[in-house]
Structures are given as structure tokens and as C-alpha cells.
Amino acid sequence: MEINIYILLLLSSVVIASFSQILLKKSAKKKYDSIIREYMNPYVIIGYGMMVLSTITTILAYRGVEYKNGPVIESLGYLLIMFLSYIFFKEKITKKKVMGNVLVLLGIFVFYM
């Protein structure tokens, strides 16, 4: 089985975007003394930089990934965000979150069958 470099690029884009969202949420949970510091702090700057990197990586990945497969692979981000939120913010993994992610995984499974 040959590993498609473009699928790996798309998966890395999902991981980058997920960590970017974690950084942005971390920034949103903090209180800042001015509106400038609210938007010009390391979490926001790095988070948006990672979003740009994720976008560029996604564009490059679509050169070798069929368009119908892209959204399916990108939907794995929901699953990753759930686990990252648990790790970094100690958010509970509720039954609703699990069921939502199960539906996402079932959708992926049905799509590829």
C-alpha cells in the first residue's frame, strides 16, 4: 500500500488548524487590559499564522487529493478538537460530543464503503 503524500499533507493541515484553534481559544479565555493586547498577543498571532499555514497546506494537498475526499479528511478535525480540548482545557467529553463524533466517523465510513 502506497502512502499518498497529498493525503499526509491534508492530514497535517487538519492537525495544524486544530492546534491553531486551541491557541485562539486559550487567548479568548484570558482578560486583557486593552483591545490592542487582546488581538496582538503571541497566542493570537501564532494562532492566525498557523491558520494561514493550514490554508496553504490544504491548497497544496488538493493538488493530489480528489476534491470529494478533502472534506471527509478535514472532518477529522472535529474529533481532534474534542481530544485537544480535553487535554488543554480539561473540558469534559460528554455523550453529545461522543455521539457527534461517532456520526462524523460513521459518515466517513459510509463515504468510503
PDB file of N, CA and C in Angstrom:
ATOM      1  N   MET A   1       0.842  -1.179   0.000  1.00  0.00           N
ATOM      2  CA  MET A   1       0.000   0.000   0.000  1.00  0.00           C
ATOM      3  C   MET A   1       0.890   1.246   0.000  1.00  0.00           C
ATOM      4  N   GLU A   2       0.690   2.069  -0.969  1.00  0.00           N
ATOM      5  CA  GLU A   2       1.494   3.278  -1.115  1.00  0.00           C
ATOM      6  C   GLU A   2       0.851   4.436  -0.355  1.00  0.00           C
ATOM      7  N   ILE A   3       1.666   5.172   0.374  1.00  0.00           N
ATOM      8  CA  ILE A   3       1.160   6.316   1.125  1.00  0.00           C
ATOM      9  C   ILE A   3       1.164   7.530   0.202  1.00  0.00           C
ATOM     10  N   ASN A   4       0.021   8.169   0.098  1.00  0.00           N
ATOM     11  CA  ASN A   4      -0.123   9.354  -0.734  1.00  0.00           C
ATOM     12  C   ASN A   4       0.350  10.570   0.059  1.00  0.00           C
ATOM     13  N   ILE A   5       1.373  11.232  -0.439  1.00  0.00           N
ATOM     14  CA  ILE A   5       1.943  12.395   0.251  1.00  0.00           C
ATOM     15  C   ILE A   5       0.912  13.511   0.386  1.00  0.00           C
ATOM     16  N   TYR A   6      -0.003  13.596  -0.562  1.00  0.00           N
ATOM     17  CA  TYR A   6      -1.006  14.655  -0.533  1.00  0.00           C
ATOM     18  C   TYR A   6      -2.034  14.423   0.578  1.00  0.00           C
ATOM     19  N   ILE A   7      -2.340  13.176   0.839  1.00  0.00           N
ATOM     20  CA  ILE A   7      -3.243  12.875   1.962  1.00  0.00           C
ATOM     21  C   ILE A   7      -2.551  13.214   3.278  1.00  0.00           C
ATOM     22  N   LEU A   8      -1.257  12.911   3.361  1.00  0.00           N
ATOM     23  CA  LEU A   8      -0.498  13.290   4.561  1.00  0.00           C
ATOM     24  C   LEU A   8      -0.454  14.801   4.736  1.00  0.00           C
ATOM     25  N   LEU A   9      -0.326  15.527   3.634  1.00  0.00           N
ATOM     26  CA  LEU A   9      -0.361  16.993   3.705  1.00  0.00           C
ATOM     27  C   LEU A   9      -1.707  17.478   4.232  1.00  0.00           C
ATOM     28  N   LEU A  10      -2.782  16.882   3.742  1.00  0.00           N
ATOM     29  CA  LEU A  10      -4.111  17.286   4.187  1.00  0.00           C
ATOM     30  C   LEU A  10      -4.321  16.941   5.659  1.00  0.00           C
ATOM     31  N   LEU A  11      -3.854  15.792   6.080  1.00  0.00           N
ATOM     32  CA  LEU A  11      -3.950  15.423   7.494  1.00  0.00           C
ATOM     33  C   LEU A  11      -3.135  16.378   8.368  1.00  0.00           C
ATOM     34  N   SER A  12      -1.946  16.757   7.888  1.00  0.00           N
ATOM     35  CA  SER A  12      -1.150  17.713   8.663  1.00  0.00           C
ATOM     36  C   SER A  12      -1.828  19.072   8.717  1.00  0.00           C
ATOM     37  N   SER A  13      -2.525  19.432   7.677  1.00  0.00           N
ATOM     38  CA  SER A  13      -3.291  20.683   7.671  1.00  0.00           C
ATOM     39  C   SER A  13      -4.385  20.659   8.731  1.00  0.00           C
ATOM     40  N   VAL A  14      -5.041  19.518   8.884  1.00  0.00           N
ATOM     41  CA  VAL A  14      -6.079  19.366   9.908  1.00  0.00           C
ATOM     42  C   VAL A  14      -5.473  19.504  11.303  1.00  0.00           C
ATOM     43  N   VAL A  15      -4.330  18.887  11.513  1.00  0.00           N
ATOM     44  CA  VAL A  15      -3.660  18.967  12.821  1.00  0.00           C
ATOM     45  C   VAL A  15      -3.231  20.404  13.116  1.00  0.00           C
ATOM     46  N   ILE A  16      -2.658  21.074  12.131  1.00  0.00           N
ATOM     47  CA  ILE A  16      -2.226  22.464  12.315  1.00  0.00           C
ATOM     48  C   ILE A  16      -3.425  23.352  12.640  1.00  0.00           C
ATOM     49  N   ALA A  17      -4.507  23.198  11.897  1.00  0.00           N
ATOM     50  CA  ALA A  17      -5.710  24.012  12.136  1.00  0.00           C
ATOM     51  C   ALA A  17      -6.285  23.739  13.525  1.00  0.00           C
ATOM     52  N   SER A  18      -6.259  22.501  13.963  1.00  0.00           N
ATOM     53  CA  SER A  18      -6.790  22.149  15.278  1.00  0.00           C
ATOM     54  C   SER A  18      -5.976  22.805  16.391  1.00  0.00           C
ATOM     55  N   PHE A  19      -4.657  22.742  16.289  1.00  0.00           N
ATOM     56  CA  PHE A  19      -3.827  23.395  17.300  1.00  0.00           C
ATOM     57  C   PHE A  19      -3.981  24.918  17.246  1.00  0.00           C
ATOM     58  N   SER A  20      -4.201  25.441  16.055  1.00  0.00           N
ATOM     59  CA  SER A  20      -4.448  26.873  15.918  1.00  0.00           C
ATOM     60  C   SER A  20      -5.706  27.281  16.681  1.00  0.00           C
ATOM     61  N   GLN A  21      -6.745  26.486  16.561  1.00  0.00           N
ATOM     62  CA  GLN A  21      -7.992  26.776  17.276  1.00  0.00           C
ATOM     63  C   GLN A  21      -7.793  26.711  18.783  1.00  0.00           C
ATOM     64  N   ILE A  22      -6.971  25.799  19.232  1.00  0.00           N
ATOM     65  CA  ILE A  22      -6.678  25.700  20.663  1.00  0.00           C
ATOM     66  C   ILE A  22      -5.969  26.975  21.139  1.00  0.00           C
ATOM     67  N   LEU A  23      -4.990  27.449  20.382  1.00  0.00           N
ATOM     68  CA  LEU A  23      -4.294  28.679  20.756  1.00  0.00           C
ATOM     69  C   LEU A  23      -5.250  29.873  20.792  1.00  0.00           C
ATOM     70  N   LEU A  24      -6.125  29.963  19.801  1.00  0.00           N
ATOM     71  CA  LEU A  24      -7.061  31.083  19.759  1.00  0.00           C
ATOM     72  C   LEU A  24      -8.055  31.018  20.921  1.00  0.00           C
ATOM     73  N   LYS A  25      -8.478  29.821  21.281  1.00  0.00           N
ATOM     74  CA  LYS A  25      -9.385  29.688  22.419  1.00  0.00           C
ATOM     75  C   LYS A  25      -8.667  30.039  23.718  1.00  0.00           C
ATOM     76  N   LYS A  26      -7.407  29.647  23.827  1.00  0.00           N
ATOM     77  CA  LYS A  26      -6.621  29.981  25.013  1.00  0.00           C
ATOM     78  C   LYS A  26      -6.522  31.500  25.159  1.00  0.00           C
ATOM     79  N   SER A  27      -6.329  32.189  24.065  1.00  0.00           N
ATOM     80  CA  SER A  27      -6.269  33.643  24.087  1.00  0.00           C
ATOM     81  C   SER A  27      -7.625  34.246  24.449  1.00  0.00           C
ATOM     82  N   ALA A  28      -8.690  33.673  23.934  1.00  0.00           N
ATOM     83  CA  ALA A  28     -10.037  34.205  24.192  1.00  0.00           C
ATOM     84  C   ALA A  28     -10.439  34.056  25.650  1.00  0.00           C
ATOM     85  N   LYS A  29      -9.877  33.085  26.348  1.00  0.00           N
ATOM     86  CA  LYS A  29     -10.226  32.867  27.754  1.00  0.00           C
ATOM     87  C   LYS A  29      -9.509  33.829  28.694  1.00  0.00           C
ATOM     88  N   LYS A  30      -8.513  34.551  28.191  1.00  0.00           N
ATOM     89  CA  LYS A  30      -7.762  35.481  29.033  1.00  0.00           C
ATOM     90  C   LYS A  30      -8.393  36.875  28.978  1.00  0.00           C
ATOM     91  N   LYS A  31      -8.182  37.633  30.037  1.00  0.00           N
ATOM     92  CA  LYS A  31      -8.614  39.028  30.086  1.00  0.00           C
ATOM     93  C   LYS A  31      -7.411  39.909  29.768  1.00  0.00           C
ATOM     94  N   TYR A  32      -7.620  40.906  28.938  1.00  0.00           N
ATOM     95  CA  TYR A  32      -6.552  41.812  28.552  1.00  0.00           C
ATOM     96  C   TYR A  32      -6.908  43.232  28.973  1.00  0.00           C
ATOM     97  N   ASP A  33      -5.882  44.035  29.223  1.00  0.00           N
ATOM     98  CA  ASP A  33      -6.119  45.393  29.699  1.00  0.00           C
ATOM     99  C   ASP A  33      -6.391  46.390  28.573  1.00  0.00           C
ATOM    100  N   SER A  34      -6.192  45.976  27.321  1.00  0.00           N
ATOM    101  CA  SER A  34      -6.522  46.852  26.198  1.00  0.00           C
ATOM    102  C   SER A  34      -6.938  46.010  24.999  1.00  0.00           C
ATOM    103  N   ILE A  35      -7.665  46.629  24.098  1.00  0.00           N
ATOM    104  CA  ILE A  35      -8.131  45.916  22.907  1.00  0.00           C
ATOM    105  C   ILE A  35      -6.955  45.561  21.994  1.00  0.00           C
ATOM    106  N   ILE A  36      -5.903  46.377  22.018  1.00  0.00           N
ATOM    107  CA  ILE A  36      -4.706  46.082  21.214  1.00  0.00           C
ATOM    108  C   ILE A  36      -4.058  44.787  21.701  1.00  0.00           C
ATOM    109  N   ARG A  37      -3.897  44.659  23.011  1.00  0.00           N
ATOM    110  CA  ARG A  37      -3.285  43.438  23.563  1.00  0.00           C
ATOM    111  C   ARG A  37      -4.180  42.219  23.359  1.00  0.00           C
ATOM    112  N   GLU A  38      -5.469  42.463  23.266  1.00  0.00           N
ATOM    113  CA  GLU A  38      -6.397  41.354  23.040  1.00  0.00           C
ATOM    114  C   GLU A  38      -6.150  40.696  21.685  1.00  0.00           C
ATOM    115  N   TYR A  39      -5.796  41.514  20.706  1.00  0.00           N
ATOM    116  CA  TYR A  39      -5.582  40.991  19.358  1.00  0.00           C
ATOM    117  C   TYR A  39      -4.124  40.884  18.954  1.00  0.00           C
ATOM    118  N   MET A  40      -3.248  41.512  19.704  1.00  0.00           N
ATOM    119  CA  MET A  40      -1.823  41.480  19.381  1.00  0.00           C
ATOM    120  C   MET A  40      -1.055  40.814  20.520  1.00  0.00           C
ATOM    121  N   ASN A  41      -1.314  39.543  20.708  1.00  0.00           N
ATOM    122  CA  ASN A  41      -0.582  38.769  21.708  1.00  0.00           C
ATOM    123  C   ASN A  41      -0.070  37.500  21.032  1.00  0.00           C
ATOM    124  N   PRO A  42       0.887  36.836  21.629  1.00  0.00           N
ATOM    125  CA  PRO A  42       1.500  35.670  20.966  1.00  0.00           C
ATOM    126  C   PRO A  42       0.499  34.577  20.579  1.00  0.00           C
ATOM    127  N   TYR A  43      -0.491  34.311  21.428  1.00  0.00           N
ATOM    128  CA  TYR A  43      -1.460  33.254  21.101  1.00  0.00           C
ATOM    129  C   TYR A  43      -2.217  33.573  19.818  1.00  0.00           C
ATOM    130  N   VAL A  44      -2.667  34.809  19.694  1.00  0.00           N
ATOM    131  CA  VAL A  44      -3.443  35.206  18.515  1.00  0.00           C
ATOM    132  C   VAL A  44      -2.553  35.246  17.278  1.00  0.00           C
ATOM    133  N   ILE A  45      -1.394  35.845  17.403  1.00  0.00           N
ATOM    134  CA  ILE A  45      -0.508  35.971  16.248  1.00  0.00           C
ATOM    135  C   ILE A  45      -0.074  34.590  15.749  1.00  0.00           C
ATOM    136  N   ILE A  46       0.350  33.727  16.655  1.00  0.00           N
ATOM    137  CA  ILE A  46       0.762  32.376  16.258  1.00  0.00           C
ATOM    138  C   ILE A  46      -0.443  31.576  15.764  1.00  0.00           C
ATOM    139  N   GLY A  47      -1.594  31.725  16.437  1.00  0.00           N
ATOM    140  CA  GLY A  47      -2.799  31.005  16.024  1.00  0.00           C
ATOM    141  C   GLY A  47      -3.222  31.348  14.607  1.00  0.00           C
ATOM    142  N   TYR A  48      -3.261  32.636  14.288  1.00  0.00           N
ATOM    143  CA  TYR A  48      -3.637  33.026  12.928  1.00  0.00           C
ATOM    144  C   TYR A  48      -2.542  32.669  11.924  1.00  0.00           C
ATOM    145  N   GLY A  49      -1.292  32.739  12.354  1.00  0.00           N
ATOM    146  CA  GLY A  49      -0.209  32.294  11.477  1.00  0.00           C
ATOM    147  C   GLY A  49      -0.352  30.814  11.128  1.00  0.00           C
ATOM    148  N   MET A  50      -0.730  30.019  12.127  1.00  0.00           N
ATOM    149  CA  MET A  50      -0.950  28.592  11.883  1.00  0.00           C
ATOM    150  C   MET A  50      -2.144  28.365  10.967  1.00  0.00           C
ATOM    151  N   MET A  51      -3.170  29.208  11.089  1.00  0.00           N
ATOM    152  CA  MET A  51      -4.325  29.091  10.187  1.00  0.00           C
ATOM    153  C   MET A  51      -3.915  29.362   8.744  1.00  0.00           C
ATOM    154  N   VAL A  52      -3.067  30.367   8.545  1.00  0.00           N
ATOM    155  CA  VAL A  52      -2.568  30.656   7.195  1.00  0.00           C
ATOM    156  C   VAL A  52      -1.747  29.467   6.688  1.00  0.00           C
ATOM    157  N   LEU A  53      -0.883  28.920   7.539  1.00  0.00           N
ATOM    158  CA  LEU A  53      -0.097  27.741   7.162  1.00  0.00           C
ATOM    159  C   LEU A  53      -1.005  26.562   6.818  1.00  0.00           C
ATOM    160  N   SER A  54      -2.055  26.382   7.596  1.00  0.00           N
ATOM    161  CA  SER A  54      -3.008  25.307   7.336  1.00  0.00           C
ATOM    162  C   SER A  54      -3.702  25.503   5.987  1.00  0.00           C
ATOM    163  N   THR A  55      -4.057  26.735   5.687  1.00  0.00           N
ATOM    164  CA  THR A  55      -4.709  27.025   4.407  1.00  0.00           C
ATOM    165  C   THR A  55      -3.776  26.730   3.239  1.00  0.00           C
ATOM    166  N   ILE A  56      -2.539  27.158   3.356  1.00  0.00           N
ATOM    167  CA  ILE A  56      -1.558  26.900   2.290  1.00  0.00           C
ATOM    168  C   ILE A  56      -1.325  25.404   2.129  1.00  0.00           C
ATOM    169  N   THR A  57      -1.220  24.696   3.242  1.00  0.00           N
ATOM    170  CA  THR A  57      -1.025  23.245   3.209  1.00  0.00           C
ATOM    171  C   THR A  57      -2.224  22.552   2.559  1.00  0.00           C
ATOM    172  N   THR A  58      -3.421  23.031   2.868  1.00  0.00           N
ATOM    173  CA  THR A  58      -4.624  22.456   2.257  1.00  0.00           C
ATOM    174  C   THR A  58      -4.624  22.670   0.750  1.00  0.00           C
ATOM    175  N   ILE A  59      -4.263  23.865   0.320  1.00  0.00           N
ATOM    176  CA  ILE A  59      -4.211  24.163  -1.119  1.00  0.00           C
ATOM    177  C   ILE A  59      -3.217  23.240  -1.818  1.00  0.00           C
ATOM    178  N   LEU A  60      -2.050  23.060  -1.208  1.00  0.00           N
ATOM    179  CA  LEU A  60      -1.048  22.163  -1.791  1.00  0.00           C
ATOM    180  C   LEU A  60      -1.547  20.719  -1.821  1.00  0.00           C
ATOM    181  N   ALA A  61      -2.251  20.312  -0.770  1.00  0.00           N
ATOM    182  CA  ALA A  61      -2.748  18.936  -0.689  1.00  0.00           C
ATOM    183  C   ALA A  61      -3.783  18.643  -1.770  1.00  0.00           C
ATOM    184  N   TYR A  62      -4.602  19.656  -2.096  1.00  0.00           N
ATOM    185  CA  TYR A  62      -5.643  19.436  -3.102  1.00  0.00           C
ATOM    186  C   TYR A  62      -5.078  19.232  -4.506  1.00  0.00           C
ATOM    187  N   ARG A  63      -3.795  19.419  -4.667  1.00  0.00           N
ATOM    188  CA  ARG A  63      -3.175  19.112  -5.964  1.00  0.00           C
ATOM    189  C   ARG A  63      -3.182  17.621  -6.244  1.00  0.00           C
ATOM    190  N   GLY A  64      -3.187  16.811  -5.176  1.00  0.00           N
ATOM    191  CA  GLY A  64      -3.117  15.369  -5.380  1.00  0.00           C
ATOM    192  C   GLY A  64      -4.219  14.587  -4.694  1.00  0.00           C
ATOM    193  N   VAL A  65      -5.171  15.298  -4.066  1.00  0.00           N
ATOM    194  CA  VAL A  65      -6.289  14.629  -3.405  1.00  0.00           C
ATOM    195  C   VAL A  65      -7.555  14.956  -4.192  1.00  0.00           C
ATOM    196  N   GLU A  66      -8.355  13.946  -4.442  1.00  0.00           N
ATOM    197  CA  GLU A  66      -9.617  14.205  -5.133  1.00  0.00           C
ATOM    198  C   GLU A  66     -10.472  15.133  -4.277  1.00  0.00           C
ATOM    199  N   TYR A  67     -11.150  16.054  -4.928  1.00  0.00           N
ATOM    200  CA  TYR A  67     -11.941  17.044  -4.196  1.00  0.00           C
ATOM    201  C   TYR A  67     -13.004  16.411  -3.318  1.00  0.00           C
ATOM    202  N   LYS A  68     -13.542  15.282  -3.725  1.00  0.00           N
ATOM    203  CA  LYS A  68     -14.583  14.630  -2.925  1.00  0.00           C
ATOM    204  C   LYS A  68     -14.015  14.077  -1.610  1.00  0.00           C
ATOM    205  N   ASN A  69     -12.709  13.801  -1.559  1.00  0.00           N
ATOM    206  CA  ASN A  69     -12.103  13.249  -0.347  1.00  0.00           C
ATOM    207  C   ASN A  69     -11.671  14.319   0.649  1.00  0.00           C
ATOM    208  N   GLY A  70     -11.458  15.535   0.197  1.00  0.00           N
ATOM    209  CA  GLY A  70     -10.974  16.604   1.058  1.00  0.00           C
ATOM    210  C   GLY A  70     -11.844  16.864   2.283  1.00  0.00           C
ATOM    211  N   PRO A  71     -13.114  17.173   2.096  1.00  0.00           N
ATOM    212  CA  PRO A  71     -13.962  17.451   3.267  1.00  0.00           C
ATOM    213  C   PRO A  71     -14.082  16.265   4.218  1.00  0.00           C
ATOM    214  N   VAL A  72     -13.993  15.070   3.686  1.00  0.00           N
ATOM    215  CA  VAL A  72     -14.067  13.882   4.537  1.00  0.00           C
ATOM    216  C   VAL A  72     -12.855  13.827   5.465  1.00  0.00           C
ATOM    217  N   ILE A  73     -11.688  14.060   4.910  1.00  0.00           N
ATOM    218  CA  ILE A  73     -10.472  14.046   5.719  1.00  0.00           C
ATOM    219  C   ILE A  73     -10.468  15.223   6.689  1.00  0.00           C
ATOM    220  N   GLU A  74     -10.902  16.392   6.233  1.00  0.00           N
ATOM    221  CA  GLU A  74     -10.916  17.573   7.091  1.00  0.00           C
ATOM    222  C   GLU A  74     -11.905  17.440   8.249  1.00  0.00           C
ATOM    223  N   SER A  75     -12.914  16.604   8.102  1.00  0.00           N
ATOM    224  CA  SER A  75     -13.884  16.423   9.189  1.00  0.00           C
ATOM    225  C   SER A  75     -13.264  15.720  10.398  1.00  0.00           C
ATOM    226  N   LEU A  76     -12.104  15.128  10.227  1.00  0.00           N
ATOM    227  CA  LEU A  76     -11.407  14.519  11.362  1.00  0.00           C
ATOM    228  C   LEU A  76     -10.977  15.575  12.385  1.00  0.00           C
ATOM    229  N   GLY A  77     -10.960  16.825  11.970  1.00  0.00           N
ATOM    230  CA  GLY A  77     -10.622  17.918  12.871  1.00  0.00           C
ATOM    231  C   GLY A  77     -11.568  18.000  14.060  1.00  0.00           C
ATOM    232  N   TYR A  78     -12.839  17.668  13.865  1.00  0.00           N
ATOM    233  CA  TYR A  78     -13.808  17.691  14.964  1.00  0.00           C
ATOM    234  C   TYR A  78     -13.392  16.722  16.069  1.00  0.00           C
ATOM    235  N   LEU A  79     -12.962  15.560  15.657  1.00  0.00           N
ATOM    236  CA  LEU A  79     -12.512  14.544  16.615  1.00  0.00           C
ATOM    237  C   LEU A  79     -11.258  15.017  17.348  1.00  0.00           C
ATOM    238  N   LEU A  80     -10.329  15.568  16.596  1.00  0.00           N
ATOM    239  CA  LEU A  80      -9.088  16.037  17.190  1.00  0.00           C
ATOM    240  C   LEU A  80      -9.334  17.182  18.172  1.00  0.00           C
ATOM    241  N   ILE A  81     -10.205  18.105  17.818  1.00  0.00           N
ATOM    242  CA  ILE A  81     -10.515  19.235  18.703  1.00  0.00           C
ATOM    243  C   ILE A  81     -11.121  18.748  20.010  1.00  0.00           C
ATOM    244  N   MET A  82     -11.962  17.738  19.944  1.00  0.00           N
ATOM    245  CA  MET A  82     -12.559  17.208  21.168  1.00  0.00           C
ATOM    246  C   MET A  82     -11.470  16.714  22.122  1.00  0.00           C
ATOM    247  N   PHE A  83     -10.500  15.979  21.600  1.00  0.00           N
ATOM    248  CA  PHE A  83      -9.429  15.449  22.451  1.00  0.00           C
ATOM    249  C   PHE A  83      -8.475  16.548  22.916  1.00  0.00           C
ATOM    250  N   LEU A  84      -8.155  17.484  22.033  1.00  0.00           N
ATOM    251  CA  LEU A  84      -7.269  18.579  22.425  1.00  0.00           C
ATOM    252  C   LEU A  84      -7.915  19.471  23.486  1.00  0.00           C
ATOM    253  N   SER A  85      -9.212  19.687  23.378  1.00  0.00           N
ATOM    254  CA  SER A  85      -9.926  20.477  24.390  1.00  0.00           C
ATOM    255  C   SER A  85      -9.916  19.764  25.734  1.00  0.00           C
ATOM    256  N   TYR A  86     -10.014  18.457  25.703  1.00  0.00           N
ATOM    257  CA  TYR A  86      -9.940  17.674  26.937  1.00  0.00           C
ATOM    258  C   TYR A  86      -8.549  17.802  27.566  1.00  0.00           C
ATOM    259  N   ILE A  87      -7.518  17.711  26.731  1.00  0.00           N
ATOM    260  CA  ILE A  87      -6.141  17.755  27.223  1.00  0.00           C
ATOM    261  C   ILE A  87      -5.765  19.147  27.734  1.00  0.00           C
ATOM    262  N   PHE A  88      -6.051  20.174  26.947  1.00  0.00           N
ATOM    263  CA  PHE A  88      -5.567  21.512  27.280  1.00  0.00           C
ATOM    264  C   PHE A  88      -6.503  22.321  28.175  1.00  0.00           C
ATOM    265  N   PHE A  89      -7.808  22.070  28.081  1.00  0.00           N
ATOM    266  CA  PHE A  89      -8.766  22.872  28.847  1.00  0.00           C
ATOM    267  C   PHE A  89      -9.553  22.060  29.867  1.00  0.00           C
ATOM    268  N   LYS A  90      -9.258  20.785  29.939  1.00  0.00           N
ATOM    269  CA  LYS A  90      -9.951  19.887  30.868  1.00  0.00           C
ATOM    270  C   LYS A  90     -11.465  19.893  30.639  1.00  0.00           C
ATOM    271  N   GLU A  91     -11.861  20.094  29.374  1.00  0.00           N
ATOM    272  CA  GLU A  91     -13.280  20.052  29.036  1.00  0.00           C
ATOM    273  C   GLU A  91     -13.759  18.603  29.076  1.00  0.00           C
ATOM    274  N   LYS A  92     -14.949  18.417  29.592  1.00  0.00           N
ATOM    275  CA  LYS A  92     -15.497  17.065  29.651  1.00  0.00           C
ATOM    276  C   LYS A  92     -15.869  16.577  28.258  1.00  0.00           C
ATOM    277  N   ILE A  93     -15.665  15.300  28.066  1.00  0.00           N
ATOM    278  CA  ILE A  93     -16.122  14.662  26.835  1.00  0.00           C
ATOM    279  C   ILE A  93     -17.498  14.101  27.146  1.00  0.00           C
ATOM    280  N   THR A  94     -18.512  14.817  26.710  1.00  0.00           N
ATOM    281  CA  THR A  94     -19.892  14.454  27.030  1.00  0.00           C
ATOM    282  C   THR A  94     -20.437  13.426  26.035  1.00  0.00           C
ATOM    283  N   LYS A  95     -21.571  12.858  26.394  1.00  0.00           N
ATOM    284  CA  LYS A  95     -22.221  11.894  25.499  1.00  0.00           C
ATOM    285  C   LYS A  95     -22.584  12.549  24.171  1.00  0.00           C
ATOM    286  N   LYS A  96     -23.010  13.806  24.213  1.00  0.00           N
ATOM    287  CA  LYS A  96     -23.371  14.509  22.980  1.00  0.00           C
ATOM    288  C   LYS A  96     -22.154  14.689  22.072  1.00  0.00           C
ATOM    289  N   LYS A  97     -21.007  15.033  22.671  1.00  0.00           N
ATOM    290  CA  LYS A  97     -19.787  15.187  21.880  1.00  0.00           C
ATOM    291  C   LYS A  97     -19.369  13.861  21.270  1.00  0.00           C
ATOM    292  N   VAL A  98     -19.450  12.806  22.063  1.00  0.00           N
ATOM    293  CA  VAL A  98     -19.085  11.477  21.560  1.00  0.00           C
ATOM    294  C   VAL A  98     -20.025  11.060  20.429  1.00  0.00           C
ATOM    295  N   MET A  99     -21.320  11.279  20.630  1.00  0.00           N
ATOM    296  CA  MET A  99     -22.286  10.903  19.588  1.00  0.00           C
ATOM    297  C   MET A  99     -22.071  11.712  18.315  1.00  0.00           C
ATOM    298  N   GLY A 100     -21.780  12.995  18.475  1.00  0.00           N
ATOM    299  CA  GLY A 100     -21.494  13.820  17.302  1.00  0.00           C
ATOM    300  C   GLY A 100     -20.287  13.323  16.539  1.00  0.00           C
ATOM    301  N   ASN A 101     -19.245  12.961  17.267  1.00  0.00           N
ATOM    302  CA  ASN A 101     -18.037  12.453  16.611  1.00  0.00           C
ATOM    303  C   ASN A 101     -18.254  11.062  16.031  1.00  0.00           C
ATOM    304  N   VAL A 102     -19.076  10.254  16.681  1.00  0.00           N
ATOM    305  CA  VAL A 102     -19.415   8.945  16.114  1.00  0.00           C
ATOM    306  C   VAL A 102     -20.138   9.132  14.782  1.00  0.00           C
ATOM    307  N   LEU A 103     -21.032  10.115  14.728  1.00  0.00           N
ATOM    308  CA  LEU A 103     -21.729  10.390  13.466  1.00  0.00           C
ATOM    309  C   LEU A 103     -20.755  10.842  12.377  1.00  0.00           C
ATOM    310  N   VAL A 104     -19.780  11.651  12.753  1.00  0.00           N
ATOM    311  CA  VAL A 104     -18.758  12.074  11.791  1.00  0.00           C
ATOM    312  C   VAL A 104     -17.993  10.854  11.283  1.00  0.00           C
ATOM    313  N   LEU A 105     -17.571   9.989  12.197  1.00  0.00           N
ATOM    314  CA  LEU A 105     -16.833   8.784  11.800  1.00  0.00           C
ATOM    315  C   LEU A 105     -17.697   7.833  10.970  1.00  0.00           C
ATOM    316  N   LEU A 106     -18.959   7.718  11.321  1.00  0.00           N
ATOM    317  CA  LEU A 106     -19.871   6.892  10.514  1.00  0.00           C
ATOM    318  C   LEU A 106     -20.024   7.466   9.110  1.00  0.00           C
ATOM    319  N   GLY A 107     -20.090   8.784   9.033  1.00  0.00           N
ATOM    320  CA  GLY A 107     -20.169   9.425   7.718  1.00  0.00           C
ATOM    321  C   GLY A 107     -18.942   9.125   6.881  1.00  0.00           C
ATOM    322  N   ILE A 108     -17.783   9.162   7.499  1.00  0.00           N
ATOM    323  CA  ILE A 108     -16.542   8.836   6.789  1.00  0.00           C
ATOM    324  C   ILE A 108     -16.567   7.379   6.347  1.00  0.00           C
ATOM    325  N   PHE A 109     -16.996   6.514   7.252  1.00  0.00           N
ATOM    326  CA  PHE A 109     -17.060   5.083   6.951  1.00  0.00           C
ATOM    327  C   PHE A 109     -18.023   4.818   5.790  1.00  0.00           C
ATOM    328  N   VAL A 110     -19.201   5.401   5.830  1.00  0.00           N
ATOM    329  CA  VAL A 110     -20.201   5.213   4.757  1.00  0.00           C
ATOM    330  C   VAL A 110     -19.671   5.771   3.437  1.00  0.00           C
ATOM    331  N   PHE A 111     -18.994   6.915   3.505  1.00  0.00           N
ATOM    332  CA  PHE A 111     -18.477   7.539   2.294  1.00  0.00           C
ATOM    333  C   PHE A 111     -17.465   6.637   1.596  1.00  0.00           C
ATOM    334  N   TYR A 112     -16.617   5.985   2.376  1.00  0.00           N
ATOM    335  CA  TYR A 112     -15.559   5.168   1.778  1.00  0.00           C
ATOM    336  C   TYR A 112     -15.977   3.735   1.487  1.00  0.00           C
ATOM    337  N   MET A 113     -17.167   3.327   1.851  1.00  0.00           N
ATOM    338  CA  MET A 113     -17.608   1.958   1.573  1.00  0.00           C
ATOM    339  C   MET A 113     -18.198   1.841   0.210  1.00  0.00           C
TER     340      MET A 113
END
